[in-house]
Amino acid sequence: MTEESKLAFQASKSANIIKSLCDLYGLSLQEATDIYYQSDTSELIEEGIADLQCRSARYLAIVIWEEHQESQER
């Protein structure tokens, strides 16, 4: 896999997760994007840590939402 194809895959994955956040939680595109990029999980996805790239966008959206909810409670 070339560096360019890796970047394209990551961009597509991020977009699908953000869309899932919008669909699951009724968020605007801006709200979902902010939540995604402020999450620790998005950093792990971008770095290619563990098997997160293999998880579905819906699953990762739920994980990121739960992380966001926990950070709001602090």
N, C-alpha and C. Protein backbone atom coordinates (compact mmCIF):
# COMPACT_ATOMS: atom_id res chain seq x y z
N MET A 1 0.86 -1.17 0.00
CA MET A 1 0.00 0.00 0.00
C MET A 1 0.90 1.23 0.00
N THR A 2 0.65 2.13 -0.92
CA THR A 2 1.45 3.35 -1.01
C THR A 2 1.02 4.34 0.07
N GLU A 3 1.86 5.31 0.32
CA GLU A 3 1.54 6.35 1.31
C GLU A 3 0.28 7.10 0.90
N GLU A 4 0.15 7.35 -0.38
CA GLU A 4 -1.02 8.07 -0.89
C GLU A 4 -2.30 7.26 -0.66
N SER A 5 -2.24 5.96 -0.88
CA SER A 5 -3.44 5.14 -0.67
C SER A 5 -3.77 5.01 0.81
N LYS A 6 -2.75 5.01 1.67
CA LYS A 6 -2.99 4.99 3.12
C LYS A 6 -3.71 6.26 3.56
N LEU A 7 -3.26 7.40 3.03
CA LEU A 7 -3.90 8.67 3.38
C LEU A 7 -5.34 8.72 2.88
N ALA A 8 -5.57 8.20 1.69
CA ALA A 8 -6.93 8.16 1.14
C ALA A 8 -7.82 7.27 1.99
N PHE A 9 -7.30 6.12 2.42
CA PHE A 9 -8.07 5.21 3.28
C PHE A 9 -8.41 5.88 4.60
N GLN A 10 -7.42 6.55 5.21
CA GLN A 10 -7.66 7.22 6.50
C GLN A 10 -8.69 8.33 6.35
N ALA A 11 -8.61 9.09 5.26
CA ALA A 11 -9.56 10.18 5.04
C ALA A 11 -10.98 9.62 4.87
N SER A 12 -11.09 8.53 4.13
CA SER A 12 -12.39 7.90 3.93
C SER A 12 -12.95 7.35 5.24
N LYS A 13 -12.08 6.72 6.03
CA LYS A 13 -12.49 6.15 7.32
C LYS A 13 -12.98 7.27 8.24
N SER A 14 -12.22 8.36 8.31
CA SER A 14 -12.60 9.50 9.16
C SER A 14 -13.95 10.06 8.72
N ALA A 15 -14.13 10.23 7.43
CA ALA A 15 -15.39 10.78 6.91
C ALA A 15 -16.57 9.87 7.26
N ASN A 16 -16.37 8.57 7.15
CA ASN A 16 -17.44 7.63 7.48
C ASN A 16 -17.78 7.63 8.96
N ILE A 17 -16.78 7.78 9.81
CA ILE A 17 -17.02 7.86 11.26
C ILE A 17 -17.78 9.14 11.59
N ILE A 18 -17.38 10.25 11.00
CA ILE A 18 -18.05 11.53 11.24
C ILE A 18 -19.50 11.45 10.76
N LYS A 19 -19.73 10.85 9.60
CA LYS A 19 -21.10 10.68 9.12
C LYS A 19 -21.91 9.80 10.07
N SER A 20 -21.29 8.77 10.60
CA SER A 20 -21.99 7.90 11.56
C SER A 20 -22.34 8.66 12.83
N LEU A 21 -21.46 9.53 13.30
CA LEU A 21 -21.77 10.36 14.47
C LEU A 21 -22.99 11.23 14.18
N CYS A 22 -23.03 11.81 12.99
CA CYS A 22 -24.20 12.63 12.62
C CYS A 22 -25.47 11.80 12.62
N ASP A 23 -25.40 10.64 11.99
CA ASP A 23 -26.59 9.79 11.85
C ASP A 23 -27.07 9.22 13.19
N LEU A 24 -26.13 8.77 14.01
CA LEU A 24 -26.49 8.13 15.28
C LEU A 24 -26.99 9.11 16.33
N TYR A 25 -26.39 10.30 16.36
CA TYR A 25 -26.66 11.21 17.47
C TYR A 25 -27.29 12.54 17.05
N GLY A 26 -27.66 12.66 15.79
CA GLY A 26 -28.33 13.87 15.32
C GLY A 26 -27.47 15.11 15.39
N LEU A 27 -26.17 14.93 15.20
CA LEU A 27 -25.24 16.06 15.28
C LEU A 27 -25.11 16.73 13.92
N SER A 28 -24.75 18.00 13.97
CA SER A 28 -24.41 18.68 12.72
C SER A 28 -23.04 18.16 12.27
N LEU A 29 -22.72 18.40 11.02
CA LEU A 29 -21.43 17.98 10.49
C LEU A 29 -20.29 18.63 11.28
N GLN A 30 -20.45 19.89 11.63
CA GLN A 30 -19.41 20.60 12.38
C GLN A 30 -19.24 20.02 13.78
N GLU A 31 -20.35 19.75 14.46
CA GLU A 31 -20.28 19.16 15.80
C GLU A 31 -19.60 17.79 15.75
N ALA A 32 -20.00 16.97 14.81
CA ALA A 32 -19.44 15.63 14.69
C ALA A 32 -17.95 15.69 14.37
N THR A 33 -17.56 16.60 13.49
CA THR A 33 -16.15 16.76 13.12
C THR A 33 -15.33 17.19 14.33
N ASP A 34 -15.84 18.14 15.09
CA ASP A 34 -15.14 18.60 16.29
C ASP A 34 -14.97 17.47 17.30
N ILE A 35 -16.03 16.72 17.54
CA ILE A 35 -15.97 15.61 18.49
C ILE A 35 -14.96 14.58 18.02
N TYR A 36 -15.01 14.26 16.73
CA TYR A 36 -14.09 13.26 16.18
C TYR A 36 -12.63 13.69 16.39
N TYR A 37 -12.29 14.89 15.94
CA TYR A 37 -10.89 15.32 15.97
C TYR A 37 -10.38 15.67 17.37
N GLN A 38 -11.27 15.85 18.33
CA GLN A 38 -10.86 16.11 19.71
C GLN A 38 -10.72 14.81 20.51
N SER A 39 -11.06 13.69 19.91
CA SER A 39 -11.03 12.43 20.65
C SER A 39 -9.65 11.78 20.61
N ASP A 40 -9.35 11.06 21.69
CA ASP A 40 -8.11 10.28 21.73
C ASP A 40 -8.17 9.14 20.71
N THR A 41 -9.36 8.61 20.51
CA THR A 41 -9.54 7.49 19.59
C THR A 41 -9.17 7.89 18.16
N SER A 42 -9.51 9.11 17.75
CA SER A 42 -9.16 9.54 16.39
C SER A 42 -7.65 9.57 16.20
N GLU A 43 -6.93 9.96 17.24
CA GLU A 43 -5.46 9.96 17.16
C GLU A 43 -4.93 8.54 16.96
N LEU A 44 -5.53 7.59 17.68
CA LEU A 44 -5.11 6.20 17.54
C LEU A 44 -5.41 5.67 16.14
N ILE A 45 -6.54 6.06 15.60
CA ILE A 45 -6.92 5.65 14.25
C ILE A 45 -5.92 6.23 13.25
N GLU A 46 -5.63 7.51 13.37
CA GLU A 46 -4.70 8.18 12.46
C GLU A 46 -3.30 7.57 12.53
N GLU A 47 -2.89 7.13 13.72
CA GLU A 47 -1.56 6.54 13.90
C GLU A 47 -1.53 5.07 13.49
N GLY A 48 -2.69 4.49 13.24
CA GLY A 48 -2.74 3.09 12.84
C GLY A 48 -2.53 2.13 13.99
N ILE A 49 -2.91 2.56 15.19
CA ILE A 49 -2.72 1.75 16.39
C ILE A 49 -3.76 0.63 16.44
N ALA A 50 -3.31 -0.51 16.92
CA ALA A 50 -4.17 -1.69 17.14
C ALA A 50 -4.91 -2.06 15.87
N ASP A 51 -6.13 -2.51 16.03
CA ASP A 51 -6.92 -2.93 14.87
C ASP A 51 -8.09 -1.98 14.63
N LEU A 52 -7.94 -0.73 15.07
CA LEU A 52 -9.06 0.20 14.97
C LEU A 52 -9.49 0.46 13.53
N GLN A 53 -8.55 0.41 12.59
CA GLN A 53 -8.91 0.64 11.19
C GLN A 53 -9.84 -0.46 10.67
N CYS A 54 -9.79 -1.61 11.31
CA CYS A 54 -10.61 -2.75 10.89
C CYS A 54 -12.03 -2.69 11.44
N ARG A 55 -12.25 -1.87 12.42
CA ARG A 55 -13.58 -1.75 13.03
C ARG A 55 -14.50 -0.94 12.13
N SER A 56 -15.78 -1.17 12.26
CA SER A 56 -16.74 -0.43 11.43
C SER A 56 -16.82 1.03 11.88
N ALA A 57 -17.22 1.87 10.95
CA ALA A 57 -17.38 3.30 11.26
C ALA A 57 -18.41 3.50 12.35
N ARG A 58 -19.47 2.72 12.31
CA ARG A 58 -20.53 2.83 13.33
C ARG A 58 -19.98 2.48 14.72
N TYR A 59 -19.24 1.39 14.80
CA TYR A 59 -18.65 0.98 16.07
C TYR A 59 -17.73 2.08 16.61
N LEU A 60 -16.87 2.61 15.75
CA LEU A 60 -15.93 3.64 16.19
C LEU A 60 -16.66 4.93 16.56
N ALA A 61 -17.75 5.24 15.87
CA ALA A 61 -18.54 6.42 16.23
C ALA A 61 -19.11 6.28 17.63
N ILE A 62 -19.57 5.09 17.98
CA ILE A 62 -20.10 4.85 19.32
C ILE A 62 -18.99 4.99 20.36
N VAL A 63 -17.82 4.45 20.09
CA VAL A 63 -16.68 4.56 21.01
C VAL A 63 -16.31 6.03 21.20
N ILE A 64 -16.24 6.77 20.12
CA ILE A 64 -15.88 8.20 20.19
C ILE A 64 -16.95 8.98 20.93
N TRP A 65 -18.22 8.67 20.70
CA TRP A 65 -19.31 9.36 21.42
C TRP A 65 -19.22 9.09 22.92
N GLU A 66 -18.98 7.84 23.30
CA GLU A 66 -18.84 7.50 24.72
C GLU A 66 -17.65 8.24 25.33
N GLU A 67 -16.57 8.32 24.60
CA GLU A 67 -15.39 9.06 25.07
C GLU A 67 -15.75 10.54 25.26
N HIS A 68 -16.49 11.09 24.32
CA HIS A 68 -16.92 12.50 24.39
C HIS A 68 -17.82 12.72 25.61
N GLN A 69 -18.76 11.81 25.83
CA GLN A 69 -19.66 11.92 26.97
C GLN A 69 -18.89 11.89 28.29
N GLU A 70 -17.92 11.00 28.39
CA GLU A 70 -17.10 10.91 29.60
C GLU A 70 -16.31 12.20 29.83
N SER A 71 -15.79 12.78 28.76
CA SER A 71 -15.01 14.02 28.92
C SER A 71 -15.91 15.19 29.33
N GLN A 72 -17.19 15.15 28.96
CA GLN A 72 -18.12 16.21 29.34
C GLN A 72 -18.51 16.12 30.81
N GLU A 73 -18.42 14.91 31.38
CA GLU A 73 -18.79 14.69 32.77
C GLU A 73 -17.70 15.14 33.73
N ARG A 74 -16.50 15.30 33.23
CA ARG A 74 -15.38 15.69 34.10
C ARG A 74 -15.40 17.14 34.46
